[in-house]
């Protein structure tokens, strides 16, 4: 498994932007599909965005399409989530997750399918 550490969360006004980073260590980062999930108080953890091991395939939740962008730099063992046009409903703890894969796709968006998780970073969007 890989170890994941998120950073970049904070407080921002509605309409603003933040970029989250997730640094990985441990096993070969390149062989892992990565994703961002979020969990707001009283709600279940939900998928936000995912990216294949090469970065050539991405998936987004409908709620963030056109506003968020997931990218990865395998040379730096890092995945990013650029969040623009933030809304108060984006407020949550954001988690980075990884799962070992064979194919170069984002095959699943289910939290239970991901085997490695970071500790989370808080994102708060004020209205």
Foldseek 3Di string as FASTA:
>chain_A
DKAKAKDWADEEAAQAKTKMKIAIDDPQLLQKKKFKWWDDPPGDIFTAKIFFSVRPEMDGDPVQPPFWDWGDDSVRRMIMIIGGRDDQVVWTWMKMFIAGDDDRYPPDGDPVRTDYIYPTDTHGYHD
